[in-house]
Amino acid sequence: MKLVVTIAEVAEMLGISLNHAYDMANTGQIPSIKLGRRIMIPVEALNKLLECEMEVGQRGKTTCNEL
């Protein structure tokens, strides 16, 4: 199992455009790290973000601050 994925892989997984995925990573909406010149997304952090976003929708929370 991969520990990190590329922005392109995240865009495909989430069904969003590559530009939108880069924008989300650059603004901190998607947790990211730089490895050399590449921006990579830790899979565990992405999973936690998605779980939190599901809770926001289901429980009426306002944000996912714990990330």
C-alpha atoms as a PDB file:
ATOM      1  CA  MET A   1       0.000   0.000   0.000  1.00  0.00           C
ATOM      2  CA  LYS A   2       1.263   3.468  -0.881  1.00  0.00           C
ATOM      3  CA  LEU A   3       1.969   5.913   1.926  1.00  0.00           C
ATOM      4  CA  VAL A   4       1.628   8.950  -0.353  1.00  0.00           C
ATOM      5  CA  VAL A   5      -0.117   9.677  -3.640  1.00  0.00           C
ATOM      6  CA  THR A   6       0.330  12.371  -6.259  1.00  0.00           C
ATOM      7  CA  ILE A   7      -1.975  15.303  -6.820  1.00  0.00           C
ATOM      8  CA  ALA A   8      -3.078  13.673 -10.075  1.00  0.00           C
ATOM      9  CA  GLU A   9      -4.049  10.495  -8.222  1.00  0.00           C
ATOM     10  CA  VAL A  10      -5.989  12.477  -5.616  1.00  0.00           C
ATOM     11  CA  ALA A  11      -7.798  14.415  -8.341  1.00  0.00           C
ATOM     12  CA  GLU A  12      -8.822  11.163  -9.988  1.00  0.00           C
ATOM     13  CA  MET A  13      -9.880   9.570  -6.672  1.00  0.00           C
ATOM     14  CA  LEU A  14     -12.006  12.579  -5.697  1.00  0.00           C
ATOM     15  CA  GLY A  15     -13.388  13.222  -9.175  1.00  0.00           C
ATOM     16  CA  ILE A  16     -12.056  16.775  -9.318  1.00  0.00           C
ATOM     17  CA  SER A  17      -9.871  18.556 -11.848  1.00  0.00           C
ATOM     18  CA  LEU A  18      -6.103  18.540 -11.513  1.00  0.00           C
ATOM     19  CA  ASN A  19      -6.085  22.334 -11.144  1.00  0.00           C
ATOM     20  CA  HIS A  20      -8.670  22.177  -8.366  1.00  0.00           C
ATOM     21  CA  ALA A  21      -6.632  19.505  -6.545  1.00  0.00           C
ATOM     22  CA  TYR A  22      -3.513  21.697  -6.754  1.00  0.00           C
ATOM     23  CA  ASP A  23      -5.493  24.690  -5.472  1.00  0.00           C
ATOM     24  CA  MET A  24      -6.825  22.652  -2.550  1.00  0.00           C
ATOM     25  CA  ALA A  25      -3.325  21.416  -1.649  1.00  0.00           C
ATOM     26  CA  ASN A  26      -1.828  24.909  -1.942  1.00  0.00           C
ATOM     27  CA  THR A  27      -4.491  26.421   0.339  1.00  0.00           C
ATOM     28  CA  GLY A  28      -4.253  23.613   2.896  1.00  0.00           C
ATOM     29  CA  GLN A  29      -7.690  22.134   2.211  1.00  0.00           C
ATOM     30  CA  ILE A  30      -5.948  18.864   1.352  1.00  0.00           C
ATOM     31  CA  PRO A  31      -2.982  18.006   3.590  1.00  0.00           C
ATOM     32  CA  SER A  32       0.190  17.822   1.520  1.00  0.00           C
ATOM     33  CA  ILE A  33       3.952  17.535   1.783  1.00  0.00           C
ATOM     34  CA  LYS A  34       6.716  18.460  -0.643  1.00  0.00           C
ATOM     35  CA  LEU A  35       9.166  15.756  -1.585  1.00  0.00           C
ATOM     36  CA  GLY A  36      11.765  17.510  -3.650  1.00  0.00           C
ATOM     37  CA  ARG A  37       9.787  19.401  -6.263  1.00  0.00           C
ATOM     38  CA  ARG A  38       6.743  17.137  -6.040  1.00  0.00           C
ATOM     39  CA  ILE A  39       3.673  17.773  -3.936  1.00  0.00           C
ATOM     40  CA  MET A  40       2.498  14.522  -2.386  1.00  0.00           C
ATOM     41  CA  ILE A  41      -0.580  13.708  -0.332  1.00  0.00           C
ATOM     42  CA  PRO A  42      -0.209  11.348   2.643  1.00  0.00           C
ATOM     43  CA  VAL A  43      -2.890   8.660   2.251  1.00  0.00           C
ATOM     44  CA  GLU A  44      -3.563   8.470   5.992  1.00  0.00           C
ATOM     45  CA  ALA A  45      -4.119  12.238   6.229  1.00  0.00           C
ATOM     46  CA  LEU A  46      -6.433  12.163   3.204  1.00  0.00           C
ATOM     47  CA  ASN A  47      -8.458   9.335   4.754  1.00  0.00           C
ATOM     48  CA  LYS A  48      -8.768  11.257   8.038  1.00  0.00           C
ATOM     49  CA  LEU A  49      -9.874  14.356   6.152  1.00  0.00           C
ATOM     50  CA  LEU A  50     -12.540  12.435   4.267  1.00  0.00           C
ATOM     51  CA  GLU A  51     -13.795  10.779   7.467  1.00  0.00           C
ATOM     52  CA  CYS A  52     -14.010  14.167   9.148  1.00  0.00           C
ATOM     53  CA  GLU A  53     -15.847  15.697   6.192  1.00  0.00           C
ATOM     54  CA  MET A  54     -18.373  12.863   6.382  1.00  0.00           C
ATOM     55  CA  GLU A  55     -18.910  13.646  10.089  1.00  0.00           C
ATOM     56  CA  VAL A  56     -19.407  17.320   9.272  1.00  0.00           C
ATOM     57  CA  GLY A  57     -22.237  16.400   6.950  1.00  0.00           C
ATOM     58  CA  GLN A  58     -23.776  13.828   9.270  1.00  0.00           C
ATOM     59  CA  ARG A  59     -23.426  15.485  12.658  1.00  0.00           C
ATOM     60  CA  GLY A  60     -23.669  19.152  11.841  1.00  0.00           C
ATOM     61  CA  LYS A  61     -20.129  19.993  12.902  1.00  0.00           C
ATOM     62  CA  THR A  62     -18.830  23.181  11.366  1.00  0.00           C
ATOM     63  CA  THR A  63     -15.202  22.280  10.542  1.00  0.00           C
ATOM     64  CA  CYS A  64     -12.583  19.565  10.600  1.00  0.00           C
ATOM     65  CA  ASN A  65     -10.165  21.298  12.973  1.00  0.00           C
ATOM     66  CA  GLU A  66      -8.414  18.203  14.236  1.00  0.00           C
ATOM     67  CA  LEU A  67      -6.255  17.865  11.131  1.00  0.00           C
END
